[in-house]
Amino acid sequence: MIIVLLGPPGAGKGTQADKLAARLGIPKIATGDVLRAALREGTKRGLEAKAYMDRGDLVPDSVILGILQDVMTSPATKKGAILDGAVRTVPQAEGLGVMLAEIGKKVDLSLIHI
């Protein structure tokens, strides 16, 4: 089961993601956390993201989605995941859908706070 939580900063995404993850027994995946982990671990995609950040540029959606793909294909997410703030734009949402389809997964539920 893959659940995506969307909303502005302070909407409570992280709090609800923690509660859902505990209740469902699946990990919470926060984009910022996985980006920092990729940087810390020096993964190929983490180094690619670092190059953009070092130049003061935004990390492109394709790099972020690649990092998320690495996480979503790991054994830890075999039963699913709660994606906390994984997408902020329509192109990111579309890219997430395509990426998940490529690895044989899909979003089961999206919760939006406006």
PDB file of N, CA and C in Angstrom:
ATOM      1  N   MET A   1       0.850  -1.175   0.000  1.00  0.00           N
ATOM      2  CA  MET A   1       0.000   0.000   0.000  1.00  0.00           C
ATOM      3  C   MET A   1       0.896   1.239   0.000  1.00  0.00           C
ATOM      4  N   ILE A   2       0.634   2.122  -0.912  1.00  0.00           N
ATOM      5  CA  ILE A   2       1.375   3.381  -0.972  1.00  0.00           C
ATOM      6  C   ILE A   2       0.387   4.519  -0.767  1.00  0.00           C
ATOM      7  N   ILE A   3       0.672   5.316   0.248  1.00  0.00           N
ATOM      8  CA  ILE A   3      -0.163   6.460   0.591  1.00  0.00           C
ATOM      9  C   ILE A   3       0.676   7.715   0.415  1.00  0.00           C
ATOM     10  N   VAL A   4       0.124   8.710  -0.247  1.00  0.00           N
ATOM     11  CA  VAL A   4       0.811   9.982  -0.455  1.00  0.00           C
ATOM     12  C   VAL A   4       0.063  11.062   0.318  1.00  0.00           C
ATOM     13  N   LEU A   5       0.782  11.787   1.171  1.00  0.00           N
ATOM     14  CA  LEU A   5       0.208  12.895   1.925  1.00  0.00           C
ATOM     15  C   LEU A   5       0.687  14.200   1.314  1.00  0.00           C
ATOM     16  N   LEU A   6      -0.253  15.071   0.981  1.00  0.00           N
ATOM     17  CA  LEU A   6       0.053  16.353   0.354  1.00  0.00           C
ATOM     18  C   LEU A   6      -0.528  17.476   1.193  1.00  0.00           C
ATOM     19  N   GLY A   7       0.178  18.588   1.255  1.00  0.00           N
ATOM     20  CA  GLY A   7      -0.340  19.748   1.964  1.00  0.00           C
ATOM     21  C   GLY A   7       0.762  20.759   2.199  1.00  0.00           C
ATOM     22  N   PRO A   8       0.368  21.952   2.613  1.00  0.00           N
ATOM     23  CA  PRO A   8       1.352  23.006   2.862  1.00  0.00           C
ATOM     24  C   PRO A   8       2.150  22.727   4.136  1.00  0.00           C
ATOM     25  N   PRO A   9       3.268  23.433   4.319  1.00  0.00           N
ATOM     26  CA  PRO A   9       4.026  23.294   5.557  1.00  0.00           C
ATOM     27  C   PRO A   9       3.126  23.572   6.762  1.00  0.00           C
ATOM     28  N   GLY A  10       3.279  22.751   7.780  1.00  0.00           N
ATOM     29  CA  GLY A  10       2.504  22.941   8.998  1.00  0.00           C
ATOM     30  C   GLY A  10       1.121  22.326   8.965  1.00  0.00           C
ATOM     31  N   ALA A  11       0.778  21.628   7.885  1.00  0.00           N
ATOM     32  CA  ALA A  11      -0.557  21.034   7.762  1.00  0.00           C
ATOM     33  C   ALA A  11      -0.717  19.772   8.608  1.00  0.00           C
ATOM     34  N   GLY A  12       0.395  19.218   9.069  1.00  0.00           N
ATOM     35  CA  GLY A  12       0.331  18.009   9.879  1.00  0.00           C
ATOM     36  C   GLY A  12       0.654  16.730   9.132  1.00  0.00           C
ATOM     37  N   LYS A  13       1.257  16.860   7.945  1.00  0.00           N
ATOM     38  CA  LYS A  13       1.597  15.680   7.148  1.00  0.00           C
ATOM     39  C   LYS A  13       2.506  14.727   7.918  1.00  0.00           C
ATOM     40  N   GLY A  14       3.543  15.274   8.510  1.00  0.00           N
ATOM     41  CA  GLY A  14       4.509  14.442   9.228  1.00  0.00           C
ATOM     42  C   GLY A  14       3.882  13.720  10.405  1.00  0.00           C
ATOM     43  N   THR A  15       3.054  14.420  11.155  1.00  0.00           N
ATOM     44  CA  THR A  15       2.379  13.816  12.307  1.00  0.00           C
ATOM     45  C   THR A  15       1.475  12.678  11.859  1.00  0.00           C
ATOM     46  N   GLN A  16       0.665  12.929  10.847  1.00  0.00           N
ATOM     47  CA  GLN A  16      -0.245  11.893  10.352  1.00  0.00           C
ATOM     48  C   GLN A  16       0.527  10.740   9.711  1.00  0.00           C
ATOM     49  N   ALA A  17       1.623  11.055   9.020  1.00  0.00           N
ATOM     50  CA  ALA A  17       2.441  10.007   8.410  1.00  0.00           C
ATOM     51  C   ALA A  17       3.019   9.090   9.480  1.00  0.00           C
ATOM     52  N   ASP A  18       3.496   9.670  10.578  1.00  0.00           N
ATOM     53  CA  ASP A  18       4.030   8.864  11.681  1.00  0.00           C
ATOM     54  C   ASP A  18       2.961   7.930  12.238  1.00  0.00           C
ATOM     55  N   LYS A  19       1.758   8.464  12.450  1.00  0.00           N
ATOM     56  CA  LYS A  19       0.660   7.655  12.999  1.00  0.00           C
ATOM     57  C   LYS A  19       0.255   6.534  12.039  1.00  0.00           C
ATOM     58  N   LEU A  20       0.131   6.865  10.767  1.00  0.00           N
ATOM     59  CA  LEU A  20      -0.234   5.849   9.775  1.00  0.00           C
ATOM     60  C   LEU A  20       0.848   4.775   9.647  1.00  0.00           C
ATOM     61  N   ALA A  21       2.103   5.200   9.634  1.00  0.00           N
ATOM     62  CA  ALA A  21       3.210   4.251   9.509  1.00  0.00           C
ATOM     63  C   ALA A  21       3.207   3.269  10.677  1.00  0.00           C
ATOM     64  N   ALA A  22       2.995   3.783  11.888  1.00  0.00           N
ATOM     65  CA  ALA A  22       2.961   2.915  13.067  1.00  0.00           C
ATOM     66  C   ALA A  22       1.772   1.960  13.008  1.00  0.00           C
ATOM     67  N   ARG A  23       0.644   2.468  12.619  1.00  0.00           N
ATOM     68  CA  ARG A  23      -0.575   1.648  12.587  1.00  0.00           C
ATOM     69  C   ARG A  23      -0.526   0.579  11.489  1.00  0.00           C
ATOM     70  N   LEU A  24       0.015   0.939  10.329  1.00  0.00           N
ATOM     71  CA  LEU A  24       0.028   0.025   9.189  1.00  0.00           C
ATOM     72  C   LEU A  24       1.297  -0.824   9.098  1.00  0.00           C
ATOM     73  N   GLY A  25       2.319  -0.460   9.873  1.00  0.00           N
ATOM     74  CA  GLY A  25       3.568  -1.212   9.848  1.00  0.00           C
ATOM     75  C   GLY A  25       4.370  -1.035   8.577  1.00  0.00           C
ATOM     76  N   ILE A  26       4.260   0.149   7.983  1.00  0.00           N
ATOM     77  CA  ILE A  26       5.044   0.462   6.788  1.00  0.00           C
ATOM     78  C   ILE A  26       5.811   1.759   7.046  1.00  0.00           C
ATOM     79  N   PRO A  27       6.945   1.950   6.375  1.00  0.00           N
ATOM     80  CA  PRO A  27       7.770   3.120   6.678  1.00  0.00           C
ATOM     81  C   PRO A  27       7.212   4.434   6.140  1.00  0.00           C
ATOM     82  N   LYS A  28       7.549   5.490   6.857  1.00  0.00           N
ATOM     83  CA  LYS A  28       7.276   6.854   6.392  1.00  0.00           C
ATOM     84  C   LYS A  28       8.486   7.289   5.582  1.00  0.00           C
ATOM     85  N   ILE A  29       8.247   7.790   4.396  1.00  0.00           N
ATOM     86  CA  ILE A  29       9.316   8.273   3.526  1.00  0.00           C
ATOM     87  C   ILE A  29       9.119   9.773   3.337  1.00  0.00           C
ATOM     88  N   ALA A  30       9.992  10.556   3.947  1.00  0.00           N
ATOM     89  CA  ALA A  30       9.962  12.007   3.789  1.00  0.00           C
ATOM     90  C   ALA A  30      11.056  12.379   2.793  1.00  0.00           C
ATOM     91  N   THR A  31      10.687  13.106   1.771  1.00  0.00           N
ATOM     92  CA  THR A  31      11.621  13.424   0.692  1.00  0.00           C
ATOM     93  C   THR A  31      12.902  14.059   1.210  1.00  0.00           C
ATOM     94  N   GLY A  32      12.781  15.021   2.110  1.00  0.00           N
ATOM     95  CA  GLY A  32      13.966  15.671   2.658  1.00  0.00           C
ATOM     96  C   GLY A  32      14.885  14.690   3.360  1.00  0.00           C
ATOM     97  N   ASP A  33      14.296  13.757   4.098  1.00  0.00           N
ATOM     98  CA  ASP A  33      15.093  12.757   4.816  1.00  0.00           C
ATOM     99  C   ASP A  33      15.854  11.850   3.860  1.00  0.00           C
ATOM    100  N   VAL A  34      15.181  11.383   2.798  1.00  0.00           N
ATOM    101  CA  VAL A  34      15.870  10.481   1.873  1.00  0.00           C
ATOM    102  C   VAL A  34      16.917  11.224   1.046  1.00  0.00           C
ATOM    103  N   LEU A  35      16.679  12.497   0.763  1.00  0.00           N
ATOM    104  CA  LEU A  35      17.690  13.294   0.066  1.00  0.00           C
ATOM    105  C   LEU A  35      18.925  13.452   0.947  1.00  0.00           C
ATOM    106  N   ARG A  36      18.719  13.803   2.219  1.00  0.00           N
ATOM    107  CA  ARG A  36      19.854  13.943   3.141  1.00  0.00           C
ATOM    108  C   ARG A  36      20.599  12.621   3.311  1.00  0.00           C
ATOM    109  N   ALA A  37      19.870  11.516   3.366  1.00  0.00           N
ATOM    110  CA  ALA A  37      20.512  10.203   3.496  1.00  0.00           C
ATOM    111  C   ALA A  37      21.354   9.889   2.260  1.00  0.00           C
ATOM    112  N   ALA A  38      20.834  10.191   1.073  1.00  0.00           N
ATOM    113  CA  ALA A  38      21.586   9.948  -0.165  1.00  0.00           C
ATOM    114  C   ALA A  38      22.855  10.793  -0.206  1.00  0.00           C
ATOM    115  N   LEU A  39      22.762  12.027   0.283  1.00  0.00           N
ATOM    116  CA  LEU A  39      23.941  12.894   0.347  1.00  0.00           C
ATOM    117  C   LEU A  39      24.959  12.331   1.333  1.00  0.00           C
ATOM    118  N   ARG A  40      24.475  11.948   2.513  1.00  0.00           N
ATOM    119  CA  ARG A  40      25.348  11.438   3.575  1.00  0.00           C
ATOM    120  C   ARG A  40      26.036  10.144   3.148  1.00  0.00           C
ATOM    121  N   GLU A  41      25.285   9.274   2.456  1.00  0.00           N
ATOM    122  CA  GLU A  41      25.823   7.979   2.037  1.00  0.00           C
ATOM    123  C   GLU A  41      26.656   8.067   0.766  1.00  0.00           C
ATOM    124  N   GLY A  42      26.611   9.214   0.094  1.00  0.00           N
ATOM    125  CA  GLY A  42      27.395   9.403  -1.118  1.00  0.00           C
ATOM    126  C   GLY A  42      26.951   8.527  -2.277  1.00  0.00           C
ATOM    127  N   THR A  43      25.644   8.270  -2.370  1.00  0.00           N
ATOM    128  CA  THR A  43      25.144   7.466  -3.485  1.00  0.00           C
ATOM    129  C   THR A  43      25.323   8.237  -4.796  1.00  0.00           C
ATOM    130  N   LYS A  44      25.224   7.513  -5.903  1.00  0.00           N
ATOM    131  CA  LYS A  44      25.365   8.159  -7.212  1.00  0.00           C
ATOM    132  C   LYS A  44      24.371   9.309  -7.353  1.00  0.00           C
ATOM    133  N   ARG A  45      23.119   9.051  -7.018  1.00  0.00           N
ATOM    134  CA  ARG A  45      22.107  10.101  -7.135  1.00  0.00           C
ATOM    135  C   ARG A  45      22.295  11.172  -6.068  1.00  0.00           C
ATOM    136  N   GLY A  46      22.785  10.786  -4.917  1.00  0.00           N
ATOM    137  CA  GLY A  46      23.073  11.766  -3.877  1.00  0.00           C
ATOM    138  C   GLY A  46      24.164  12.735  -4.318  1.00  0.00           C
ATOM    139  N   LEU A  47      25.196  12.206  -4.972  1.00  0.00           N
ATOM    140  CA  LEU A  47      26.273  13.059  -5.480  1.00  0.00           C
ATOM    141  C   LEU A  47      25.776  13.962  -6.604  1.00  0.00           C
ATOM    142  N   GLU A  48      24.866  13.436  -7.409  1.00  0.00           N
ATOM    143  CA  GLU A  48      24.274  14.249  -8.478  1.00  0.00           C
ATOM    144  C   GLU A  48      23.480  15.410  -7.869  1.00  0.00           C
ATOM    145  N   ALA A  49      22.700  15.119  -6.835  1.00  0.00           N
ATOM    146  CA  ALA A  49      21.930  16.168  -6.149  1.00  0.00           C
ATOM    147  C   ALA A  49      22.866  17.189  -5.522  1.00  0.00           C
ATOM    148  N   LYS A  50      23.955  16.711  -4.932  1.00  0.00           N
ATOM    149  CA  LYS A  50      24.916  17.604  -4.278  1.00  0.00           C
ATOM    150  C   LYS A  50      25.511  18.592  -5.271  1.00  0.00           C
ATOM    151  N   ALA A  51      25.778  18.142  -6.484  1.00  0.00           N
ATOM    152  CA  ALA A  51      26.344  19.033  -7.502  1.00  0.00           C
ATOM    153  C   ALA A  51      25.396  20.198  -7.780  1.00  0.00           C
ATOM    154  N   TYR A  52      24.108  19.919  -7.875  1.00  0.00           N
ATOM    155  CA  TYR A  52      23.129  20.996  -8.075  1.00  0.00           C
ATOM    156  C   TYR A  52      23.095  21.923  -6.869  1.00  0.00           C
ATOM    157  N   MET A  53      23.071  21.336  -5.690  1.00  0.00           N
ATOM    158  CA  MET A  53      22.974  22.131  -4.468  1.00  0.00           C
ATOM    159  C   MET A  53      24.211  23.005  -4.276  1.00  0.00           C
ATOM    160  N   ASP A  54      25.383  22.460  -4.598  1.00  0.00           N
ATOM    161  CA  ASP A  54      26.623  23.230  -4.459  1.00  0.00           C
ATOM    162  C   ASP A  54      26.643  24.448  -5.377  1.00  0.00           C
ATOM    163  N   ARG A  55      25.932  24.355  -6.503  1.00  0.00           N
ATOM    164  CA  ARG A  55      25.842  25.496  -7.424  1.00  0.00           C
ATOM    165  C   ARG A  55      24.721  26.450  -7.022  1.00  0.00           C
ATOM    166  N   GLY A  56      23.961  26.075  -6.005  1.00  0.00           N
ATOM    167  CA  GLY A  56      22.842  26.910  -5.579  1.00  0.00           C
ATOM    168  C   GLY A  56      21.589  26.689  -6.403  1.00  0.00           C
ATOM    169  N   ASP A  57      21.572  25.601  -7.164  1.00  0.00           N
ATOM    170  CA  ASP A  57      20.419  25.286  -8.008  1.00  0.00           C
ATOM    171  C   ASP A  57      19.465  24.343  -7.279  1.00  0.00           C
ATOM    172  N   LEU A  58      18.206  24.364  -7.695  1.00  0.00           N
ATOM    173  CA  LEU A  58      17.251  23.382  -7.198  1.00  0.00           C
ATOM    174  C   LEU A  58      17.594  22.019  -7.784  1.00  0.00           C
ATOM    175  N   VAL A  59      17.401  20.985  -6.996  1.00  0.00           N
ATOM    176  CA  VAL A  59      17.623  19.632  -7.491  1.00  0.00           C
ATOM    177  C   VAL A  59      16.449  19.283  -8.408  1.00  0.00           C
ATOM    178  N   PRO A  60      16.721  18.883  -9.653  1.00  0.00           N
ATOM    179  CA  PRO A  60      15.634  18.591 -10.596  1.00  0.00           C
ATOM    180  C   PRO A  60      14.742  17.438 -10.124  1.00  0.00           C
ATOM    181  N   ASP A  61      13.500  17.487 -10.576  1.00  0.00           N
ATOM    182  CA  ASP A  61      12.541  16.434 -10.236  1.00  0.00           C
ATOM    183  C   ASP A  61      13.087  15.055 -10.580  1.00  0.00           C
ATOM    184  N   SER A  62      13.765  14.942 -11.714  1.00  0.00           N
ATOM    185  CA  SER A  62      14.256  13.630 -12.146  1.00  0.00           C
ATOM    186  C   SER A  62      15.230  13.029 -11.136  1.00  0.00           C
ATOM    187  N   VAL A  63      16.046  13.867 -10.510  1.00  0.00           N
ATOM    188  CA  VAL A  63      17.006  13.375  -9.514  1.00  0.00           C
ATOM    189  C   VAL A  63      16.271  12.972  -8.238  1.00  0.00           C
ATOM    190  N   ILE A  64      15.342  13.816  -7.791  1.00  0.00           N
ATOM    191  CA  ILE A  64      14.558  13.500  -6.594  1.00  0.00           C
ATOM    192  C   ILE A  64      13.773  12.208  -6.812  1.00  0.00           C
ATOM    193  N   LEU A  65      13.126  12.083  -7.966  1.00  0.00           N
ATOM    194  CA  LEU A  65      12.363  10.868  -8.254  1.00  0.00           C
ATOM    195  C   LEU A  65      13.274   9.646  -8.332  1.00  0.00           C
ATOM    196  N   GLY A  66      14.493   9.828  -8.811  1.00  0.00           N
ATOM    197  CA  GLY A  66      15.453   8.725  -8.836  1.00  0.00           C
ATOM    198  C   GLY A  66      15.817   8.267  -7.437  1.00  0.00           C
ATOM    199  N   ILE A  67      16.011   9.231  -6.535  1.00  0.00           N
ATOM    200  CA  ILE A  67      16.314   8.897  -5.141  1.00  0.00           C
ATOM    201  C   ILE A  67      15.117   8.184  -4.514  1.00  0.00           C
ATOM    202  N   LEU A  68      13.912   8.682  -4.780  1.00  0.00           N
ATOM    203  CA  LEU A  68      12.710   8.013  -4.268  1.00  0.00           C
ATOM    204  C   LEU A  68      12.578   6.606  -4.852  1.00  0.00           C
ATOM    205  N   GLN A  69      12.937   6.439  -6.118  1.00  0.00           N
ATOM    206  CA  GLN A  69      12.870   5.116  -6.742  1.00  0.00           C
ATOM    207  C   GLN A  69      13.813   4.147  -6.039  1.00  0.00           C
ATOM    208  N   ASP A  70      15.012   4.621  -5.700  1.00  0.00           N
ATOM    209  CA  ASP A  70      15.953   3.767  -4.974  1.00  0.00           C
ATOM    210  C   ASP A  70      15.337   3.282  -3.666  1.00  0.00           C
ATOM    211  N   VAL A  71      14.665   4.188  -2.963  1.00  0.00           N
ATOM    212  CA  VAL A  71      14.035   3.831  -1.688  1.00  0.00           C
ATOM    213  C   VAL A  71      12.852   2.888  -1.918  1.00  0.00           C
ATOM    214  N   MET A  72      12.045   3.187  -2.917  1.00  0.00           N
ATOM    215  CA  MET A  72      10.825   2.408  -3.150  1.00  0.00           C
ATOM    216  C   MET A  72      11.105   1.009  -3.698  1.00  0.00           C
ATOM    217  N   THR A  73      12.324   0.749  -4.153  1.00  0.00           N
ATOM    218  CA  THR A  73      12.688  -0.596  -4.605  1.00  0.00           C
ATOM    219  C   THR A  73      13.481  -1.348  -3.547  1.00  0.00           C
ATOM    220  N   SER A  74      13.671  -0.744  -2.385  1.00  0.00           N
ATOM    221  CA  SER A  74      14.405  -1.403  -1.306  1.00  0.00           C
ATOM    222  C   SER A  74      13.487  -2.379  -0.569  1.00  0.00           C
ATOM    223  N   PRO A  75      14.062  -3.386   0.091  1.00  0.00           N
ATOM    224  CA  PRO A  75      13.247  -4.344   0.849  1.00  0.00           C
ATOM    225  C   PRO A  75      12.376  -3.687   1.927  1.00  0.00           C
ATOM    226  N   ALA A  76      12.806  -2.558   2.460  1.00  0.00           N
ATOM    227  CA  ALA A  76      12.059  -1.886   3.530  1.00  0.00           C
ATOM    228  C   ALA A  76      10.673  -1.438   3.080  1.00  0.00           C
ATOM    229  N   THR A  77      10.504  -1.210   1.789  1.00  0.00           N
ATOM    230  CA  THR A  77       9.214  -0.711   1.289  1.00  0.00           C
ATOM    231  C   THR A  77       8.429  -1.780   0.520  1.00  0.00           C
ATOM    232  N   LYS A  78       8.794  -3.037   0.723  1.00  0.00           N
ATOM    233  CA  LYS A  78       8.114  -4.120   0.004  1.00  0.00           C
ATOM    234  C   LYS A  78       6.611  -4.128   0.268  1.00  0.00           C
ATOM    235  N   LYS A  79       6.203  -3.868   1.513  1.00  0.00           N
ATOM    236  CA  LYS A  79       4.778  -3.869   1.863  1.00  0.00           C
ATOM    237  C   LYS A  79       4.115  -2.521   1.613  1.00  0.00           C
ATOM    238  N   GLY A  80       4.915  -1.499   1.288  1.00  0.00           N
ATOM    239  CA  GLY A  80       4.362  -0.181   1.016  1.00  0.00           C
ATOM    240  C   GLY A  80       5.096   0.907   1.761  1.00  0.00           C
ATOM    241  N   ALA A  81       4.544   2.116   1.693  1.00  0.00           N
ATOM    242  CA  ALA A  81       5.171   3.269   2.337  1.00  0.00           C
ATOM    243  C   ALA A  81       4.176   4.413   2.417  1.00  0.00           C
ATOM    244  N   ILE A  82       4.441   5.303   3.356  1.00  0.00           N
ATOM    245  CA  ILE A  82       3.715   6.558   3.468  1.00  0.00           C
ATOM    246  C   ILE A  82       4.661   7.624   2.920  1.00  0.00           C
ATOM    247  N   LEU A  83       4.296   8.285   1.840  1.00  0.00           N
ATOM    248  CA  LEU A  83       5.130   9.331   1.254  1.00  0.00           C
ATOM    249  C   LEU A  83       4.677  10.677   1.800  1.00  0.00           C
ATOM    250  N   ASP A  84       5.560  11.299   2.551  1.00  0.00           N
ATOM    251  CA  ASP A  84       5.276  12.563   3.229  1.00  0.00           C
ATOM    252  C   ASP A  84       5.908  13.706   2.448  1.00  0.00           C
ATOM    253  N   GLY A  85       5.085  14.487   1.766  1.00  0.00           N
ATOM    254  CA  GLY A  85       5.595  15.642   1.031  1.00  0.00           C
ATOM    255  C   GLY A  85       6.430  15.280  -0.172  1.00  0.00           C
ATOM    256  N   ALA A  86       6.147  14.131  -0.778  1.00  0.00           N
ATOM    257  CA  ALA A  86       6.961  13.665  -1.899  1.00  0.00           C
ATOM    258  C   ALA A  86       6.751  14.479  -3.161  1.00  0.00           C
ATOM    259  N   VAL A  87       5.591  15.074  -3.289  1.00  0.00           N
ATOM    260  CA  VAL A  87       5.315  15.862  -4.490  1.00  0.00           C
ATOM    261  C   VAL A  87       4.750  17.221  -4.107  1.00  0.00           C
ATOM    262  N   ARG A  88       5.162  18.228  -4.855  1.00  0.00           N
ATOM    263  CA  ARG A  88       4.682  19.588  -4.597  1.00  0.00           C
ATOM    264  C   ARG A  88       4.090  20.249  -5.838  1.00  0.00           C
ATOM    265  N   THR A  89       4.289  19.616  -6.988  1.00  0.00           N
ATOM    266  CA  THR A  89       3.790  20.188  -8.240  1.00  0.00           C
ATOM    267  C   THR A  89       3.117  19.086  -9.061  1.00  0.00           C
ATOM    268  N   VAL A  90       2.333  19.494 -10.050  1.00  0.00           N
ATOM    269  CA  VAL A  90       1.682  18.520 -10.935  1.00  0.00           C
ATOM    270  C   VAL A  90       2.727  17.673 -11.673  1.00  0.00           C
ATOM    271  N   PRO A  91       3.794  18.283 -12.239  1.00  0.00           N
ATOM    272  CA  PRO A  91       4.799  17.444 -12.907  1.00  0.00           C
ATOM    273  C   PRO A  91       5.445  16.423 -11.960  1.00  0.00           C
ATOM    274  N   GLN A  92       5.655  16.802 -10.693  1.00  0.00           N
ATOM    275  CA  GLN A  92       6.220  15.852  -9.736  1.00  0.00           C
ATOM    276  C   GLN A  92       5.243  14.702  -9.484  1.00  0.00           C
ATOM    277  N   ALA A  93       3.949  15.017  -9.370  1.00  0.00           N
ATOM    278  CA  ALA A  93       2.937  13.978  -9.153  1.00  0.00           C
ATOM    279  C   ALA A  93       2.885  13.029 -10.345  1.00  0.00           C
ATOM    280  N   GLU A  94       2.926  13.597 -11.544  1.00  0.00           N
ATOM    281  CA  GLU A  94       2.924  12.768 -12.745  1.00  0.00           C
ATOM    282  C   GLU A  94       4.172  11.897 -12.797  1.00  0.00           C
ATOM    283  N   GLY A  95       5.315  12.486 -12.475  1.00  0.00           N
ATOM    284  CA  GLY A  95       6.570  11.739 -12.464  1.00  0.00           C
ATOM    285  C   GLY A  95       6.564  10.621 -11.438  1.00  0.00           C
ATOM    286  N   LEU A  96       5.975  10.886 -10.273  1.00  0.00           N
ATOM    287  CA  LEU A  96       5.874   9.856  -9.242  1.00  0.00           C
ATOM    288  C   LEU A  96       5.030   8.688  -9.749  1.00  0.00           C
ATOM    289  N   GLY A  97       3.914   9.001 -10.387  1.00  0.00           N
ATOM    290  CA  GLY A  97       3.061   7.944 -10.931  1.00  0.00           C
ATOM    291  C   GLY A  97       3.780   7.098 -11.962  1.00  0.00           C
ATOM    292  N   VAL A  98       4.521   7.746 -12.850  1.00  0.00           N
ATOM    293  CA  VAL A  98       5.282   7.029 -13.879  1.00  0.00           C
ATOM    294  C   VAL A  98       6.360   6.165 -13.233  1.00  0.00           C
ATOM    295  N   MET A  99       7.110   6.756 -12.282  1.00  0.00           N
ATOM    296  CA  MET A  99       8.186   6.017 -11.623  1.00  0.00           C
ATOM    297  C   MET A  99       7.640   4.791 -10.906  1.00  0.00           C
ATOM    298  N   LEU A 100       6.543   4.954 -10.175  1.00  0.00           N
ATOM    299  CA  LEU A 100       5.969   3.814  -9.456  1.00  0.00           C
ATOM    300  C   LEU A 100       5.495   2.738 -10.428  1.00  0.00           C
ATOM    301  N   ALA A 101       4.894   3.143 -11.537  1.00  0.00           N
ATOM    302  CA  ALA A 101       4.446   2.171 -12.539  1.00  0.00           C
ATOM    303  C   ALA A 101       5.630   1.386 -13.101  1.00  0.00           C
ATOM    304  N   GLU A 102       6.754   2.061 -13.295  1.00  0.00           N
ATOM    305  CA  GLU A 102       7.950   1.403 -13.829  1.00  0.00           C
ATOM    306  C   GLU A 102       8.467   0.312 -12.902  1.00  0.00           C
ATOM    307  N   ILE A 103       8.223   0.466 -11.595  1.00  0.00           N
ATOM    308  CA  ILE A 103       8.705  -0.537 -10.638  1.00  0.00           C
ATOM    309  C   ILE A 103       7.565  -1.441 -10.151  1.00  0.00           C
ATOM    310  N   GLY A 104       6.426  -1.366 -10.843  1.00  0.00           N
ATOM    311  CA  GLY A 104       5.313  -2.251 -10.540  1.00  0.00           C
ATOM    312  C   GLY A 104       4.503  -1.881  -9.316  1.00  0.00           C
ATOM    313  N   LYS A 105       4.493  -0.596  -8.971  1.00  0.00           N
ATOM    314  CA  LYS A 105       3.727  -0.131  -7.816  1.00  0.00           C
ATOM    315  C   LYS A 105       2.804   0.997  -8.253  1.00  0.00           C
ATOM    316  N   LYS A 106       1.873   1.353  -7.363  1.00  0.00           N
ATOM    317  CA  LYS A 106       0.975   2.469  -7.658  1.00  0.00           C
ATOM    318  C   LYS A 106       0.555   3.126  -6.357  1.00  0.00           C
ATOM    319  N   VAL A 107       0.091   4.358  -6.459  1.00  0.00           N
ATOM    320  CA  VAL A 107      -0.443   5.067  -5.302  1.00  0.00           C
ATOM    321  C   VAL A 107      -1.825   4.494  -5.018  1.00  0.00           C
ATOM    322  N   ASP A 108      -2.025   4.046  -3.782  1.00  0.00           N
ATOM    323  CA  ASP A 108      -3.321   3.502  -3.386  1.00  0.00           C
ATOM    324  C   ASP A 108      -4.235   4.565  -2.798  1.00  0.00           C
ATOM    325  N   LEU A 109      -3.645   5.594  -2.185  1.00  0.00           N
ATOM    326  CA  LEU A 109      -4.440   6.629  -1.543  1.00  0.00           C
ATOM    327  C   LEU A 109      -3.640   7.916  -1.482  1.00  0.00           C
ATOM    328  N   SER A 110      -4.254   9.017  -1.873  1.00  0.00           N
ATOM    329  CA  SER A 110      -3.653  10.346  -1.736  1.00  0.00           C
ATOM    330  C   SER A 110      -4.530  11.156  -0.798  1.00  0.00           C
ATOM    331  N   LEU A 111      -3.929  11.747   0.203  1.00  0.00           N
ATOM    332  CA  LEU A 111      -4.647  12.609   1.132  1.00  0.00           C
ATOM    333  C   LEU A 111      -4.130  14.021   0.966  1.00  0.00           C
ATOM    334  N   ILE A 112      -5.041  14.939   0.726  1.00  0.00           N
ATOM    335  CA  ILE A 112      -4.671  16.321   0.430  1.00  0.00           C
ATOM    336  C   ILE A 112      -5.274  17.247   1.466  1.00  0.00           C
ATOM    337  N   HIS A 113      -4.455  18.159   1.976  1.00  0.00           N
ATOM    338  CA  HIS A 113      -4.933  19.204   2.883  1.00  0.00           C
ATOM    339  C   HIS A 113      -4.769  20.532   2.162  1.00  0.00           C
ATOM    340  N   ILE A 114      -5.860  21.237   1.952  1.00  0.00           N
ATOM    341  CA  ILE A 114      -5.800  22.525   1.245  1.00  0.00           C
ATOM    342  C   ILE A 114      -6.052  23.639   2.234  1.00  0.00           C
TER     343      ILE A 114
END
